[in-house]
Every structure is written in C-alpha cells, then in structure tokens.
Amino acid sequence: MHEVTVMTRENCHACEDAISDVRRICTELGVPWSTRDVDSDPELRAEYGDHVPVILIDGAEHGYWKVEEERFRRALAS
C-alpha cells in the first residue's frame, strides 16, 4: 500500500486546498496520508522552499502546488 505525505507550511491557502483534496481521495481509497511543515526543519525548507504544497507518494515527489486528481488516483492505483 502507498503512503502519501503533503509538504506544507502555515498560512498557505494552496496547502489547505491540497490537503483537502488529498484527504478526500486518500480516505476514499483507504490510503494513509500525513502532512509535514517544511518550516519545522531547515533542510525541508531548503529543499521545498516556495514550491509547497508538494505531494509525495512513498517518499517520492509526485507533484506540487495542486493535486492533479486523475494522475494522483492513477499513481495510487499502481
């Protein structure tokens, strides 16, 4: 089974939208997911910078700024 992580930061409207989409899709598919605040770790902040939200599937970058629902669902189905 896959695991999804949404890299976020506080007060980020795009992050809130991505979390909402990931929550809905992952709940529907029974896929575990979590969030990580990039500002809580200097290495994460350096890696992701202003590209948040970033969606990771099994630790690999799947996309950023928004959830492309069809593509996201296909990745979780494989």
C-alpha atoms as a PDB file:
ATOM      1  CA  MET A   1       0.000   0.000   0.000  1.00  0.00           C
ATOM      2  CA  HIS A   2       1.152   3.522  -0.758  1.00  0.00           C
ATOM      3  CA  GLU A   3       1.643   6.321   1.735  1.00  0.00           C
ATOM      4  CA  VAL A   4       1.093   9.979   0.891  1.00  0.00           C
ATOM      5  CA  THR A   5       2.743  12.984   2.523  1.00  0.00           C
ATOM      6  CA  VAL A   6       1.797  16.592   1.846  1.00  0.00           C
ATOM      7  CA  MET A   7       4.636  19.031   2.475  1.00  0.00           C
ATOM      8  CA  THR A   8       3.033  22.256   3.722  1.00  0.00           C
ATOM      9  CA  ARG A   9       3.556  25.467   5.635  1.00  0.00           C
ATOM     10  CA  GLU A  10       1.283  27.521   7.856  1.00  0.00           C
ATOM     11  CA  ASN A  11      -0.968  30.176   6.325  1.00  0.00           C
ATOM     12  CA  CYS A  12      -0.725  28.646   2.849  1.00  0.00           C
ATOM     13  CA  HIS A  13      -4.048  28.672   1.012  1.00  0.00           C
ATOM     14  CA  ALA A  14      -2.788  26.324  -1.726  1.00  0.00           C
ATOM     15  CA  CYS A  15      -1.641  23.917   1.008  1.00  0.00           C
ATOM     16  CA  GLU A  16      -5.116  23.918   2.535  1.00  0.00           C
ATOM     17  CA  ASP A  17      -6.644  23.126  -0.870  1.00  0.00           C
ATOM     18  CA  ALA A  18      -4.159  20.298  -1.494  1.00  0.00           C
ATOM     19  CA  ILE A  19      -4.748  18.826   1.965  1.00  0.00           C
ATOM     20  CA  SER A  20      -8.496  18.885   1.361  1.00  0.00           C
ATOM     21  CA  ASP A  21      -8.096  17.037  -1.961  1.00  0.00           C
ATOM     22  CA  VAL A  22      -5.598  14.515  -0.571  1.00  0.00           C
ATOM     23  CA  ARG A  23      -7.800  13.872   2.474  1.00  0.00           C
ATOM     24  CA  ARG A  24     -10.855  13.239   0.302  1.00  0.00           C
ATOM     25  CA  ILE A  25      -9.118  10.964  -2.207  1.00  0.00           C
ATOM     26  CA  CYS A  26      -6.995   9.032   0.290  1.00  0.00           C
ATOM     27  CA  THR A  27      -9.966   8.481   2.603  1.00  0.00           C
ATOM     28  CA  GLU A  28     -11.995   7.172  -0.326  1.00  0.00           C
ATOM     29  CA  LEU A  29      -9.184   4.813  -1.386  1.00  0.00           C
ATOM     30  CA  GLY A  30      -8.084   3.819   2.121  1.00  0.00           C
ATOM     31  CA  VAL A  31      -4.575   5.198   1.625  1.00  0.00           C
ATOM     32  CA  PRO A  32      -2.732   6.544   4.688  1.00  0.00           C
ATOM     33  CA  TRP A  33      -1.565  10.135   4.459  1.00  0.00           C
ATOM     34  CA  SER A  34       0.046  12.805   6.602  1.00  0.00           C
ATOM     35  CA  THR A  35       1.371  16.356   6.476  1.00  0.00           C
ATOM     36  CA  ARG A  36       4.789  17.836   7.270  1.00  0.00           C
ATOM     37  CA  ASP A  37       5.506  21.502   7.850  1.00  0.00           C
ATOM     38  CA  VAL A  38       8.582  22.446   5.795  1.00  0.00           C
ATOM     39  CA  ASP A  39       9.292  25.373   8.114  1.00  0.00           C
ATOM     40  CA  SER A  40       9.829  22.976  11.046  1.00  0.00           C
ATOM     41  CA  ASP A  41      13.110  21.734   9.561  1.00  0.00           C
ATOM     42  CA  PRO A  42      15.802  23.860   7.847  1.00  0.00           C
ATOM     43  CA  GLU A  43      16.635  21.024   5.424  1.00  0.00           C
ATOM     44  CA  LEU A  44      12.994  20.664   4.360  1.00  0.00           C
ATOM     45  CA  ARG A  45      12.681  24.441   3.986  1.00  0.00           C
ATOM     46  CA  ALA A  46      15.806  24.493   1.800  1.00  0.00           C
ATOM     47  CA  GLU A  47      14.585  21.572  -0.309  1.00  0.00           C
ATOM     48  CA  TYR A  48      10.991  22.673  -0.872  1.00  0.00           C
ATOM     49  CA  GLY A  49      11.211  26.460  -0.469  1.00  0.00           C
ATOM     50  CA  ASP A  50       8.274  28.137  -2.179  1.00  0.00           C
ATOM     51  CA  HIS A  51       7.164  25.010  -4.032  1.00  0.00           C
ATOM     52  CA  VAL A  52       4.697  23.986  -1.339  1.00  0.00           C
ATOM     53  CA  PRO A  53       2.423  22.230  -1.270  1.00  0.00           C
ATOM     54  CA  VAL A  54       4.384  19.228  -2.507  1.00  0.00           C
ATOM     55  CA  ILE A  55       2.697  15.832  -2.684  1.00  0.00           C
ATOM     56  CA  LEU A  56       4.911  12.815  -2.037  1.00  0.00           C
ATOM     57  CA  ILE A  57       3.907   9.228  -2.706  1.00  0.00           C
ATOM     58  CA  ASP A  58       6.088   6.735  -0.862  1.00  0.00           C
ATOM     59  CA  GLY A  59       8.645   9.488  -0.286  1.00  0.00           C
ATOM     60  CA  ALA A  60       8.979  10.418  -3.977  1.00  0.00           C
ATOM     61  CA  GLU A  61       7.766  13.753  -5.326  1.00  0.00           C
ATOM     62  CA  HIS A  62       4.542  13.291  -7.255  1.00  0.00           C
ATOM     63  CA  GLY A  63       3.562  16.911  -7.822  1.00  0.00           C
ATOM     64  CA  TYR A  64       3.378  20.370  -6.356  1.00  0.00           C
ATOM     65  CA  TRP A  65       1.104  23.395  -5.973  1.00  0.00           C
ATOM     66  CA  LYS A  66      -2.087  21.429  -6.675  1.00  0.00           C
ATOM     67  CA  VAL A  67      -3.441  17.901  -6.815  1.00  0.00           C
ATOM     68  CA  GLU A  68      -3.992  16.641 -10.347  1.00  0.00           C
ATOM     69  CA  GLU A  69      -6.771  14.263  -9.352  1.00  0.00           C
ATOM     70  CA  GLU A  70      -6.721  11.781 -12.261  1.00  0.00           C
ATOM     71  CA  ARG A  71      -2.936  11.495 -12.200  1.00  0.00           C
ATOM     72  CA  PHE A  72      -2.924  11.176  -8.400  1.00  0.00           C
ATOM     73  CA  ARG A  73      -5.554   8.415  -8.468  1.00  0.00           C
ATOM     74  CA  ARG A  74      -3.618   6.513 -11.167  1.00  0.00           C
ATOM     75  CA  ALA A  75      -0.441   6.672  -9.110  1.00  0.00           C
ATOM     76  CA  LEU A  76      -2.234   5.349  -6.036  1.00  0.00           C
ATOM     77  CA  ALA A  77      -3.822   2.526  -8.052  1.00  0.00           C
ATOM     78  CA  SER A  78      -0.478   1.194  -9.288  1.00  0.00           C
END
